[in-house]
C-alpha atoms as a PDB file:
ATOM      1  CA  MET A   1     -99.939 241.001-120.128  1.00  0.00           C
ATOM      2  CA  GLU A   2     -98.895 238.650-122.886  1.00  0.00           C
ATOM      3  CA  LYS A   3     -95.605 237.748-121.158  1.00  0.00           C
ATOM      4  CA  THR A   4     -97.423 236.908-117.935  1.00  0.00           C
ATOM      5  CA  SER A   5     -99.883 234.536-119.611  1.00  0.00           C
ATOM      6  CA  LYS A   6     -97.034 233.067-121.679  1.00  0.00           C
ATOM      7  CA  TRP A   7     -95.323 231.832-118.496  1.00  0.00           C
ATOM      8  CA  ALA A   8     -98.388 230.986-116.399  1.00  0.00           C
ATOM      9  CA  VAL A   9     -98.937 227.437-117.660  1.00  0.00           C
ATOM     10  CA  PRO A  10     -95.271 226.317-117.545  1.00  0.00           C
ATOM     11  CA  LEU A  11     -94.875 227.760-114.033  1.00  0.00           C
ATOM     12  CA  ALA A  12     -98.056 226.044-112.868  1.00  0.00           C
ATOM     13  CA  VAL A  13     -96.892 222.705-114.285  1.00  0.00           C
ATOM     14  CA  PHE A  14     -93.456 223.163-112.707  1.00  0.00           C
ATOM     15  CA  GLY A  15     -95.043 224.066-109.352  1.00  0.00           C
ATOM     16  CA  LEU A  16     -97.373 221.060-109.377  1.00  0.00           C
ATOM     17  CA  GLY A  17     -94.506 218.789-110.382  1.00  0.00           C
ATOM     18  CA  SER A  18     -92.395 220.137-107.538  1.00  0.00           C
ATOM     19  CA  LEU A  19     -95.210 219.466-105.075  1.00  0.00           C
ATOM     20  CA  GLY A  20     -95.466 215.912-106.409  1.00  0.00           C
ATOM     21  CA  VAL A  21     -91.733 215.335-105.908  1.00  0.00           C
ATOM     22  CA  LEU A  22     -91.915 216.807-102.400  1.00  0.00           C
ATOM     23  CA  ALA A  23     -94.904 214.628-101.549  1.00  0.00           C
ATOM     24  CA  MET A  24     -92.989 211.502-102.558  1.00  0.00           C
ATOM     25  CA  SER A  25     -89.886 212.363-100.506  1.00  0.00           C
ATOM     26  CA  ASP A  26     -89.467 211.161 -96.906  1.00  0.00           C
ATOM     27  CA  LEU A  27     -90.049 214.666 -95.585  1.00  0.00           C
ATOM     28  CA  GLY A  28     -93.092 215.066 -97.817  1.00  0.00           C
ATOM     29  CA  LEU A  29     -94.549 211.752 -96.676  1.00  0.00           C
ATOM     30  CA  GLN A  30     -94.026 212.744 -93.036  1.00  0.00           C
ATOM     31  CA  GLY A  31     -95.782 216.028 -93.751  1.00  0.00           C
ATOM     32  CA  LEU A  32     -98.706 214.268 -95.406  1.00  0.00           C
ATOM     33  CA  ASP A  33     -98.943 211.861 -92.452  1.00  0.00           C
ATOM     34  CA  TRP A  34     -98.977 214.806 -90.029  1.00  0.00           C
ATOM     35  CA  LEU A  35    -101.654 216.549 -92.090  1.00  0.00           C
ATOM     36  CA  SER A  36    -103.739 213.371 -92.215  1.00  0.00           C
ATOM     37  CA  ARG A  37    -103.618 213.010 -88.417  1.00  0.00           C
ATOM     38  CA  ARG A  38    -104.661 216.651 -87.984  1.00  0.00           C
ATOM     39  CA  PHE A  39    -107.654 216.140 -90.277  1.00  0.00           C
ATOM     40  CA  GLN A  40    -108.682 213.096 -88.240  1.00  0.00           C
ATOM     41  CA  GLU A  41    -108.551 215.188 -85.047  1.00  0.00           C
ATOM     42  CA  ALA A  42    -110.380 218.114 -86.611  1.00  0.00           C
ATOM     43  CA  PRO A  43    -113.975 217.047 -85.835  1.00  0.00           C
ATOM     44  CA  GLU A  44    -113.144 216.629 -82.138  1.00  0.00           C
ATOM     45  CA  ARG A  45    -111.402 219.986 -81.969  1.00  0.00           C
ATOM     46  CA  ILE A  46    -114.219 221.711 -83.828  1.00  0.00           C
ATOM     47  CA  GLN A  47    -116.729 220.160 -81.402  1.00  0.00           C
ATOM     48  CA  GLU A  48    -114.669 221.352 -78.423  1.00  0.00           C
ATOM     49  CA  TRP A  49    -114.496 224.844 -79.899  1.00  0.00           C
ATOM     50  CA  ASN A  50    -118.245 224.847 -80.568  1.00  0.00           C
ATOM     51  CA  GLU A  51    -118.973 223.860 -76.986  1.00  0.00           C
ATOM     52  CA  ALA A  52    -116.641 226.538 -75.596  1.00  0.00           C
ATOM     53  CA  ALA A  53    -118.170 229.157 -77.892  1.00  0.00           C
ATOM     54  CA  GLN A  54    -121.693 228.121 -76.838  1.00  0.00           C
ATOM     55  CA  ARG A  55    -120.769 228.418 -73.146  1.00  0.00           C
ATOM     56  CA  GLU A  56    -119.377 231.891 -73.775  1.00  0.00           C
ATOM     57  CA  LEU A  57    -122.499 232.938 -75.705  1.00  0.00           C
ATOM     58  CA  ASP A  58    -124.696 231.634 -72.870  1.00  0.00           C
ATOM     59  CA  ARG A  59    -122.642 233.648 -70.367  1.00  0.00           C
ATOM     60  CA  ILE A  60    -122.978 236.795 -72.502  1.00  0.00           C
ATOM     61  CA  GLN A  61    -126.741 236.221 -72.871  1.00  0.00           C
ATOM     62  CA  LEU A  62    -127.092 235.888 -69.101  1.00  0.00           C
ATOM     63  CA  ALA A  63    -125.188 239.147 -68.566  1.00  0.00           C
ATOM     64  CA  LEU A  64    -127.353 240.937 -71.142  1.00  0.00           C
ATOM     65  CA  ASN A  65    -130.509 239.629 -69.495  1.00  0.00           C
ATOM     66  CA  ARG A  66    -129.311 240.994 -66.150  1.00  0.00           C
ATOM     67  CA  VAL A  67    -128.600 244.387 -67.713  1.00  0.00           C
ATOM     68  CA  ALA A  68    -132.082 244.395 -69.291  1.00  0.00           C
ATOM     69  CA  GLU A  69    -133.690 243.514 -65.939  1.00  0.00           C
ATOM     70  CA  THR A  70    -131.757 246.307 -64.236  1.00  0.00           C
ATOM     71  CA  LEU A  71    -132.833 248.820 -66.886  1.00  0.00           C
ATOM     72  CA  GLU A  72    -136.476 247.725 -66.619  1.00  0.00           C
ATOM     73  CA  ALA A  73    -136.375 248.052 -62.837  1.00  0.00           C
ATOM     74  CA  ALA A  74    -134.916 251.558 -63.135  1.00  0.00           C
ATOM     75  CA  GLN A  75    -137.829 252.774 -65.286  1.00  0.00           C
END
């Protein structure tokens, strides 16, 4: 275990430094721009998903209500 903890901090620093260099490169900046645009679109997409999920839940509830009515009528 001692060898693992001995290398953990230097590897973490190296990894964070590498991410910093990547973020400052042209490709990294393009990636950050893409990510920023996706975060800006996220609330709209989440709202669309919520609405679609609610419609599906309403449809399932309607089907369950029909099954319950059929079972009550059969008794």
